[in-house]
C-alpha atoms as a PDB file:
ATOM      1  CA  MET A   1    -230.965 -76.737 -38.201  1.00  0.00           C
ATOM      2  CA  LEU A   2    -232.621 -78.460 -41.132  1.00  0.00           C
ATOM      3  CA  VAL A   3    -232.777 -76.294 -44.242  1.00  0.00           C
ATOM      4  CA  THR A   4    -235.563 -77.723 -46.375  1.00  0.00           C
ATOM      5  CA  ARG A   5    -235.231 -75.302 -49.299  1.00  0.00           C
ATOM      6  CA  ALA A   6    -234.209 -76.396 -52.764  1.00  0.00           C
ATOM      7  CA  VAL A   7    -230.921 -75.335 -54.356  1.00  0.00           C
ATOM      8  CA  PRO A   8    -229.888 -72.582 -54.990  1.00  0.00           C
ATOM      9  CA  GLY A   9    -231.898 -70.815 -52.288  1.00  0.00           C
ATOM     10  CA  ALA A  10    -230.798 -73.404 -49.735  1.00  0.00           C
ATOM     11  CA  GLN A  11    -227.157 -72.415 -50.113  1.00  0.00           C
ATOM     12  CA  ALA A  12    -227.768 -68.781 -49.229  1.00  0.00           C
ATOM     13  CA  THR A  13    -229.931 -69.777 -46.262  1.00  0.00           C
ATOM     14  CA  ALA A  14    -227.294 -72.221 -45.018  1.00  0.00           C
ATOM     15  CA  ARG A  15    -224.712 -69.431 -45.026  1.00  0.00           C
ATOM     16  CA  ARG A  16    -227.056 -67.220 -42.997  1.00  0.00           C
ATOM     17  CA  VAL A  17    -227.734 -70.020 -40.509  1.00  0.00           C
ATOM     18  CA  ALA A  18    -223.990 -70.682 -40.110  1.00  0.00           C
ATOM     19  CA  ALA A  19    -223.333 -66.973 -39.551  1.00  0.00           C
ATOM     20  CA  LEU A  20    -225.774 -67.141 -36.631  1.00  0.00           C
ATOM     21  CA  GLY A  21    -223.660 -69.846 -35.022  1.00  0.00           C
ATOM     22  CA  ARG A  22    -225.899 -72.758 -35.983  1.00  0.00           C
ATOM     23  CA  ALA A  23    -225.021 -75.846 -38.013  1.00  0.00           C
ATOM     24  CA  PRO A  24    -227.142 -76.061 -41.183  1.00  0.00           C
ATOM     25  CA  ILE A  25    -228.074 -79.514 -42.483  1.00  0.00           C
ATOM     26  CA  ALA A  26    -229.311 -79.735 -46.065  1.00  0.00           C
ATOM     27  CA  CYS A  27    -232.729 -81.361 -46.215  1.00  0.00           C
ATOM     28  CA  PRO A  28    -234.128 -80.331 -49.624  1.00  0.00           C
ATOM     29  CA  MET A  29    -237.710 -81.398 -50.158  1.00  0.00           C
ATOM     30  CA  LEU A  30    -237.975 -80.110 -53.729  1.00  0.00           C
ATOM     31  CA  ALA A  31    -235.755 -80.014 -56.802  1.00  0.00           C
ATOM     32  CA  ILE A  32    -236.073 -77.082 -59.203  1.00  0.00           C
ATOM     33  CA  THR A  33    -236.173 -77.997 -62.887  1.00  0.00           C
ATOM     34  CA  GLY A  34    -236.179 -75.319 -65.601  1.00  0.00           C
ATOM     35  CA  LEU A  35    -238.649 -75.667 -68.451  1.00  0.00           C
ATOM     36  CA  THR A  36    -238.346 -74.489 -72.036  1.00  0.00           C
ATOM     37  CA  VAL A  37    -241.007 -71.895 -72.784  1.00  0.00           C
ATOM     38  CA  ARG A  38    -241.464 -69.017 -75.224  1.00  0.00           C
ATOM     39  CA  LEU A  39    -241.825 -65.672 -73.479  1.00  0.00           C
ATOM     40  CA  PRO A  40    -243.487 -62.576 -74.963  1.00  0.00           C
ATOM     41  CA  PRO A  41    -241.260 -59.859 -76.432  1.00  0.00           C
ATOM     42  CA  ALA A  42    -240.246 -57.081 -74.073  1.00  0.00           C
ATOM     43  CA  GLY A  43    -242.269 -54.545 -76.044  1.00  0.00           C
ATOM     44  CA  ARG A  44    -245.499 -56.247 -74.993  1.00  0.00           C
ATOM     45  CA  VAL A  45    -244.632 -56.331 -71.306  1.00  0.00           C
ATOM     46  CA  GLN A  46    -245.355 -53.528 -68.842  1.00  0.00           C
ATOM     47  CA  ALA A  47    -243.737 -55.337 -65.925  1.00  0.00           C
ATOM     48  CA  VAL A  48    -242.400 -58.709 -64.802  1.00  0.00           C
ATOM     49  CA  LEU A  49    -243.858 -60.166 -61.601  1.00  0.00           C
ATOM     50  CA  LEU A  50    -241.710 -62.558 -59.573  1.00  0.00           C
ATOM     51  CA  THR A  51    -243.156 -64.733 -56.826  1.00  0.00           C
ATOM     52  CA  SER A  52    -239.903 -66.712 -56.552  1.00  0.00           C
ATOM     53  CA  GLY A  53    -236.274 -66.225 -57.461  1.00  0.00           C
ATOM     54  CA  ASN A  54    -236.429 -69.636 -59.121  1.00  0.00           C
ATOM     55  CA  ALA A  55    -238.078 -67.975 -62.136  1.00  0.00           C
ATOM     56  CA  VAL A  56    -235.190 -65.574 -62.748  1.00  0.00           C
ATOM     57  CA  PRO A  57    -232.962 -67.927 -64.817  1.00  0.00           C
ATOM     58  CA  ALA A  58    -235.756 -68.308 -67.384  1.00  0.00           C
ATOM     59  CA  LEU A  59    -235.784 -64.571 -68.179  1.00  0.00           C
ATOM     60  CA  ASP A  60    -233.440 -63.497 -70.943  1.00  0.00           C
ATOM     61  CA  ALA A  61    -231.520 -60.237 -71.240  1.00  0.00           C
ATOM     62  CA  ALA A  62    -234.101 -58.716 -73.579  1.00  0.00           C
ATOM     63  CA  LEU A  63    -236.323 -58.205 -70.527  1.00  0.00           C
ATOM     64  CA  HIS A  64    -233.684 -56.533 -68.353  1.00  0.00           C
ATOM     65  CA  ASP A  65    -235.018 -53.025 -68.982  1.00  0.00           C
ATOM     66  CA  VAL A  66    -238.581 -54.012 -68.034  1.00  0.00           C
ATOM     67  CA  PRO A  67    -239.541 -53.105 -64.431  1.00  0.00           C
ATOM     68  CA  VAL A  68    -239.636 -56.060 -62.053  1.00  0.00           C
ATOM     69  CA  PHE A  69    -241.951 -56.388 -59.070  1.00  0.00           C
ATOM     70  CA  ALA A  70    -240.777 -59.099 -56.660  1.00  0.00           C
ATOM     71  CA  VAL A  71    -242.645 -60.692 -53.796  1.00  0.00           C
ATOM     72  CA  GLY A  72    -239.793 -60.188 -51.340  1.00  0.00           C
ATOM     73  CA  ASP A  73    -236.326 -58.800 -50.839  1.00  0.00           C
ATOM     74  CA  ALA A  74    -234.434 -62.032 -51.554  1.00  0.00           C
ATOM     75  CA  THR A  75    -236.230 -62.473 -54.879  1.00  0.00           C
ATOM     76  CA  ALA A  76    -235.598 -58.808 -55.690  1.00  0.00           C
ATOM     77  CA  ASP A  77    -231.890 -59.226 -54.943  1.00  0.00           C
ATOM     78  CA  ARG A  78    -231.703 -62.216 -57.266  1.00  0.00           C
ATOM     79  CA  ALA A  79    -233.327 -60.221 -60.069  1.00  0.00           C
ATOM     80  CA  ARG A  80    -230.840 -57.377 -59.602  1.00  0.00           C
ATOM     81  CA  ALA A  81    -227.932 -59.820 -59.626  1.00  0.00           C
ATOM     82  CA  ALA A  82    -229.225 -61.212 -62.933  1.00  0.00           C
ATOM     83  CA  GLY A  83    -229.068 -57.771 -64.540  1.00  0.00           C
ATOM     84  CA  PHE A  84    -232.537 -56.243 -64.157  1.00  0.00           C
ATOM     85  CA  ALA A  85    -232.222 -52.490 -63.926  1.00  0.00           C
ATOM     86  CA  GLU A  86    -235.438 -51.516 -62.108  1.00  0.00           C
ATOM     87  CA  VAL A  87    -236.555 -53.854 -59.322  1.00  0.00           C
ATOM     88  CA  HIS A  88    -239.197 -53.234 -56.653  1.00  0.00           C
ATOM     89  CA  SER A  89    -239.853 -55.468 -53.640  1.00  0.00           C
ATOM     90  CA  ALA A  90    -243.270 -55.953 -52.065  1.00  0.00           C
ATOM     91  CA  ALA A  91    -241.476 -57.210 -48.917  1.00  0.00           C
ATOM     92  CA  GLY A  92    -244.344 -59.564 -48.217  1.00  0.00           C
ATOM     93  CA  ASP A  93    -246.522 -62.207 -49.811  1.00  0.00           C
ATOM     94  CA  ALA A  94    -248.539 -62.548 -53.016  1.00  0.00           C
ATOM     95  CA  ALA A  95    -251.253 -60.240 -51.691  1.00  0.00           C
ATOM     96  CA  ALA A  96    -248.660 -57.549 -50.974  1.00  0.00           C
ATOM     97  CA  LEU A  97    -247.233 -58.028 -54.463  1.00  0.00           C
ATOM     98  CA  ALA A  98    -250.681 -57.636 -56.045  1.00  0.00           C
ATOM     99  CA  ALA A  99    -251.276 -54.436 -54.074  1.00  0.00           C
ATOM    100  CA  LEU A 100    -247.886 -52.997 -55.104  1.00  0.00           C
ATOM    101  CA  VAL A 101    -248.474 -53.787 -58.775  1.00  0.00           C
ATOM    102  CA  ALA A 102    -251.979 -52.284 -58.664  1.00  0.00           C
ATOM    103  CA  ARG A 103    -250.502 -49.038 -57.322  1.00  0.00           C
ATOM    104  CA  ALA A 104    -247.527 -48.835 -59.666  1.00  0.00           C
ATOM    105  CA  CYS A 105    -248.919 -50.169 -62.960  1.00  0.00           C
ATOM    106  CA  ARG A 106    -251.860 -49.269 -65.198  1.00  0.00           C
ATOM    107  CA  PRO A 107    -254.348 -51.575 -66.898  1.00  0.00           C
ATOM    108  CA  GLY A 108    -254.022 -51.091 -70.644  1.00  0.00           C
ATOM    109  CA  ALA A 109    -250.381 -49.986 -70.498  1.00  0.00           C
ATOM    110  CA  GLY A 110    -249.112 -53.447 -71.433  1.00  0.00           C
ATOM    111  CA  ALA A 111    -249.254 -56.991 -70.176  1.00  0.00           C
ATOM    112  CA  LEU A 112    -247.892 -58.208 -66.857  1.00  0.00           C
ATOM    113  CA  LEU A 113    -245.581 -61.199 -67.307  1.00  0.00           C
ATOM    114  CA  LEU A 114    -245.827 -63.714 -64.474  1.00  0.00           C
ATOM    115  CA  PRO A 115    -243.167 -66.459 -64.837  1.00  0.00           C
ATOM    116  CA  THR A 116    -243.810 -69.107 -62.246  1.00  0.00           C
ATOM    117  CA  ALA A 117    -243.922 -72.808 -61.389  1.00  0.00           C
ATOM    118  CA  ARG A 118    -246.482 -75.385 -62.370  1.00  0.00           C
ATOM    119  CA  GLY A 119    -249.653 -74.766 -60.423  1.00  0.00           C
ATOM    120  CA  GLU A 120    -248.378 -71.558 -58.805  1.00  0.00           C
ATOM    121  CA  GLY A 121    -249.368 -67.929 -59.233  1.00  0.00           C
ATOM    122  CA  LEU A 122    -252.995 -68.666 -60.103  1.00  0.00           C
ATOM    123  CA  ALA A 123    -254.543 -66.571 -57.333  1.00  0.00           C
ATOM    124  CA  LEU A 124    -252.196 -63.640 -58.057  1.00  0.00           C
ATOM    125  CA  ALA A 125    -253.032 -63.737 -61.762  1.00  0.00           C
ATOM    126  CA  ALA A 126    -256.755 -63.918 -61.024  1.00  0.00           C
ATOM    127  CA  ALA A 127    -256.631 -60.958 -58.637  1.00  0.00           C
ATOM    128  CA  LEU A 128    -254.787 -58.754 -61.126  1.00  0.00           C
ATOM    129  CA  ARG A 129    -257.062 -59.753 -64.010  1.00  0.00           C
ATOM    130  CA  LYS A 130    -260.043 -58.824 -61.842  1.00  0.00           C
ATOM    131  CA  ALA A 131    -258.403 -55.409 -61.411  1.00  0.00           C
ATOM    132  CA  GLY A 132    -258.309 -55.012 -65.205  1.00  0.00           C
ATOM    133  CA  PHE A 133    -254.757 -56.108 -66.018  1.00  0.00           C
ATOM    134  CA  ALA A 134    -253.723 -58.452 -68.798  1.00  0.00           C
ATOM    135  CA  VAL A 135    -251.598 -61.138 -67.142  1.00  0.00           C
ATOM    136  CA  LEU A 136    -249.419 -63.506 -69.152  1.00  0.00           C
ATOM    137  CA  ARG A 137    -248.728 -66.379 -66.780  1.00  0.00           C
ATOM    138  CA  ARG A 138    -245.957 -68.658 -68.039  1.00  0.00           C
ATOM    139  CA  THR A 139    -244.740 -71.882 -66.413  1.00  0.00           C
ATOM    140  CA  VAL A 140    -240.947 -71.614 -66.534  1.00  0.00           C
ATOM    141  CA  TYR A 141    -239.901 -74.144 -63.894  1.00  0.00           C
ATOM    142  CA  ALA A 142    -241.172 -77.139 -61.966  1.00  0.00           C
ATOM    143  CA  ALA A 143    -240.679 -77.727 -58.251  1.00  0.00           C
ATOM    144  CA  VAL A 144    -240.380 -81.518 -58.185  1.00  0.00           C
ATOM    145  CA  PRO A 145    -240.922 -83.264 -54.816  1.00  0.00           C
ATOM    146  CA  GLN A 146    -238.009 -85.413 -53.654  1.00  0.00           C
ATOM    147  CA  ASP A 147    -238.761 -89.116 -53.306  1.00  0.00           C
ATOM    148  CA  CYS A 148    -236.707 -89.890 -50.217  1.00  0.00           C
ATOM    149  CA  PHE A 149    -235.624 -88.246 -46.981  1.00  0.00           C
ATOM    150  CA  PRO A 150    -231.956 -87.107 -47.060  1.00  0.00           C
ATOM    151  CA  THR A 151    -229.693 -89.464 -45.110  1.00  0.00           C
ATOM    152  CA  ALA A 152    -227.761 -86.758 -43.247  1.00  0.00           C
ATOM    153  CA  ALA A 153    -230.969 -85.100 -42.040  1.00  0.00           C
ATOM    154  CA  ARG A 154    -232.502 -88.436 -41.012  1.00  0.00           C
ATOM    155  CA  ASP A 155    -229.417 -89.458 -39.036  1.00  0.00           C
ATOM    156  CA  ALA A 156    -229.208 -86.084 -37.270  1.00  0.00           C
ATOM    157  CA  LEU A 157    -232.864 -86.370 -36.224  1.00  0.00           C
ATOM    158  CA  LEU A 158    -232.349 -89.915 -34.952  1.00  0.00           C
ATOM    159  CA  ARG A 159    -229.380 -88.753 -32.858  1.00  0.00           C
ATOM    160  CA  GLY A 160    -231.399 -85.865 -31.386  1.00  0.00           C
ATOM    161  CA  GLU A 161    -229.066 -83.267 -32.860  1.00  0.00           C
ATOM    162  CA  VAL A 162    -231.690 -81.089 -34.568  1.00  0.00           C
ATOM    163  CA  GLY A 163    -233.190 -78.067 -32.829  1.00  0.00           C
ATOM    164  CA  ALA A 164    -235.306 -76.667 -35.647  1.00  0.00           C
ATOM    165  CA  ALA A 165    -236.358 -77.090 -39.253  1.00  0.00           C
ATOM    166  CA  LEU A 166    -236.841 -74.134 -41.589  1.00  0.00           C
ATOM    167  CA  PHE A 167    -239.752 -74.168 -44.057  1.00  0.00           C
ATOM    168  CA  PHE A 168    -240.181 -71.594 -46.820  1.00  0.00           C
ATOM    169  CA  SER A 169    -243.111 -72.892 -48.885  1.00  0.00           C
ATOM    170  CA  PRO A 170    -246.294 -74.964 -48.494  1.00  0.00           C
ATOM    171  CA  ALA A 171    -245.023 -77.418 -51.124  1.00  0.00           C
ATOM    172  CA  THR A 172    -241.837 -78.014 -49.131  1.00  0.00           C
ATOM    173  CA  ALA A 173    -243.833 -78.527 -45.939  1.00  0.00           C
ATOM    174  CA  ARG A 174    -246.248 -80.938 -47.623  1.00  0.00           C
ATOM    175  CA  ASN A 175    -243.458 -83.111 -48.967  1.00  0.00           C
ATOM    176  CA  PHE A 176    -241.712 -83.200 -45.584  1.00  0.00           C
ATOM    177  CA  VAL A 177    -244.955 -84.426 -44.024  1.00  0.00           C
ATOM    178  CA  ARG A 178    -245.332 -87.023 -46.784  1.00  0.00           C
ATOM    179  CA  LEU A 179    -241.801 -88.435 -46.501  1.00  0.00           C
ATOM    180  CA  LEU A 180    -241.229 -88.416 -42.764  1.00  0.00           C
ATOM    181  CA  PRO A 181    -243.411 -91.371 -41.610  1.00  0.00           C
ATOM    182  CA  ALA A 182    -241.564 -93.860 -43.828  1.00  0.00           C
ATOM    183  CA  SER A 183    -238.159 -92.562 -42.722  1.00  0.00           C
ATOM    184  CA  LEU A 184    -238.347 -91.775 -39.015  1.00  0.00           C
ATOM    185  CA  PRO A 185    -240.382 -92.528 -35.888  1.00  0.00           C
ATOM    186  CA  ALA A 186    -242.809 -89.759 -34.991  1.00  0.00           C
ATOM    187  CA  GLY A 187    -240.979 -89.165 -31.694  1.00  0.00           C
ATOM    188  CA  SER A 188    -237.926 -87.913 -33.563  1.00  0.00           C
ATOM    189  CA  LEU A 189    -239.570 -84.474 -33.789  1.00  0.00           C
ATOM    190  CA  ALA A 190    -240.427 -84.153 -30.094  1.00  0.00           C
ATOM    191  CA  ALA A 191    -237.562 -81.720 -29.409  1.00  0.00           C
ATOM    192  CA  VAL A 192    -237.648 -79.952 -32.792  1.00  0.00           C
ATOM    193  CA  ASP A 193    -239.243 -76.608 -33.623  1.00  0.00           C
ATOM    194  CA  ALA A 194    -240.841 -76.139 -37.044  1.00  0.00           C
ATOM    195  CA  LEU A 195    -240.129 -72.576 -38.197  1.00  0.00           C
ATOM    196  CA  ALA A 196    -242.467 -71.488 -40.989  1.00  0.00           C
ATOM    197  CA  LEU A 197    -242.337 -68.464 -43.266  1.00  0.00           C
ATOM    198  CA  SER A 198    -246.106 -67.881 -43.108  1.00  0.00           C
ATOM    199  CA  PRO A 199    -249.351 -69.412 -41.802  1.00  0.00           C
ATOM    200  CA  ALA A 200    -249.866 -71.074 -45.187  1.00  0.00           C
ATOM    201  CA  VAL A 201    -246.481 -72.773 -44.829  1.00  0.00           C
ATOM    202  CA  ALA A 202    -247.239 -73.795 -41.240  1.00  0.00           C
ATOM    203  CA  ALA A 203    -250.625 -75.361 -41.999  1.00  0.00           C
ATOM    204  CA  PRO A 204    -249.400 -78.684 -43.506  1.00  0.00           C
ATOM    205  CA  LEU A 205    -246.911 -79.117 -40.633  1.00  0.00           C
ATOM    206  CA  ALA A 206    -249.634 -79.302 -37.978  1.00  0.00           C
ATOM    207  CA  SER A 207    -250.128 -83.036 -38.546  1.00  0.00           C
ATOM    208  CA  LEU A 208    -246.651 -83.850 -37.152  1.00  0.00           C
ATOM    209  CA  PRO A 209    -245.726 -83.935 -33.425  1.00  0.00           C
ATOM    210  CA  TRP A 210    -243.257 -81.039 -33.254  1.00  0.00           C
ATOM    211  CA  ARG A 211    -242.150 -79.464 -30.005  1.00  0.00           C
ATOM    212  CA  ARG A 212    -243.858 -76.363 -31.391  1.00  0.00           C
ATOM    213  CA  ILE A 213    -244.636 -74.664 -34.682  1.00  0.00           C
ATOM    214  CA  ARG A 214    -243.609 -71.028 -34.957  1.00  0.00           C
ATOM    215  CA  VAL A 215    -244.459 -68.573 -37.739  1.00  0.00           C
ATOM    216  CA  ALA A 216    -242.324 -65.608 -38.819  1.00  0.00           C
ATOM    217  CA  ALA A 217    -243.717 -62.162 -38.058  1.00  0.00           C
ATOM    218  CA  ARG A 218    -243.278 -61.262 -41.728  1.00  0.00           C
ATOM    219  CA  PRO A 219    -243.052 -63.581 -44.746  1.00  0.00           C
ATOM    220  CA  ASP A 220    -239.340 -63.043 -45.395  1.00  0.00           C
ATOM    221  CA  GLN A 221    -236.115 -64.834 -44.542  1.00  0.00           C
ATOM    222  CA  ASP A 222    -234.881 -62.203 -42.082  1.00  0.00           C
ATOM    223  CA  ALA A 223    -238.005 -62.561 -39.952  1.00  0.00           C
ATOM    224  CA  LEU A 224    -237.828 -66.347 -40.160  1.00  0.00           C
ATOM    225  CA  LEU A 225    -234.217 -66.432 -39.025  1.00  0.00           C
ATOM    226  CA  THR A 226    -234.957 -64.272 -35.988  1.00  0.00           C
ATOM    227  CA  LEU A 227    -236.885 -67.278 -34.650  1.00  0.00           C
ATOM    228  CA  LEU A 228    -233.577 -69.155 -34.364  1.00  0.00           C
ATOM    229  CA  ALA A 229    -232.644 -67.067 -31.339  1.00  0.00           C
ATOM    230  CA  ASP A 230    -234.459 -69.402 -28.948  1.00  0.00           C
ATOM    231  CA  ALA A 231    -234.725 -72.586 -31.030  1.00  0.00           C
ATOM    232  CA  ASP A 232    -232.421 -75.082 -29.329  1.00  0.00           C
END
């Protein structure tokens, strides 16, 4: 199974794949790079909104007593592990996160801090501002596309050893589609399933000749990994 996530998320996914009796092959399509940015003081912040666990390292201990609202369970777990005391999971996508925040928070009670990647979180911020919230969106990391296809993943595809590829984000899927034609013949995917976290993740993959493209019933890792049961 190709695991296309960036480190460190890829490591946790690889362990889950191995526990299911499959052989994970690292095929990172993005590299996460932290950025230096000044964040608002905790006293100004009503809540921290996390659309990815990759934002967690940018948040210092001064924010640990501020409530966190995370897009999914894995991101929530990463926030708890970092020391945040009150963490809530939307167990879904950005729309589910916006709905949870709208129910739990109040416009005028303080700003919502949204630490995210370059170009990400714009729709979430816009939706919450429309609902009357002050949203402080800060770019704390960059998801940099890799420039070449990993050798181990390429060789496994050429040998016909890959049954499926796991995709967690549209950016990861787009870079896979960009890199593949220069690295492998199109027929190398004929027996491979593309397993996507959501329809938005699946959309860029449609241009490649997979055996099939399958979408998780819910946008979380547990639902995605259930698709491995019949991906051979």
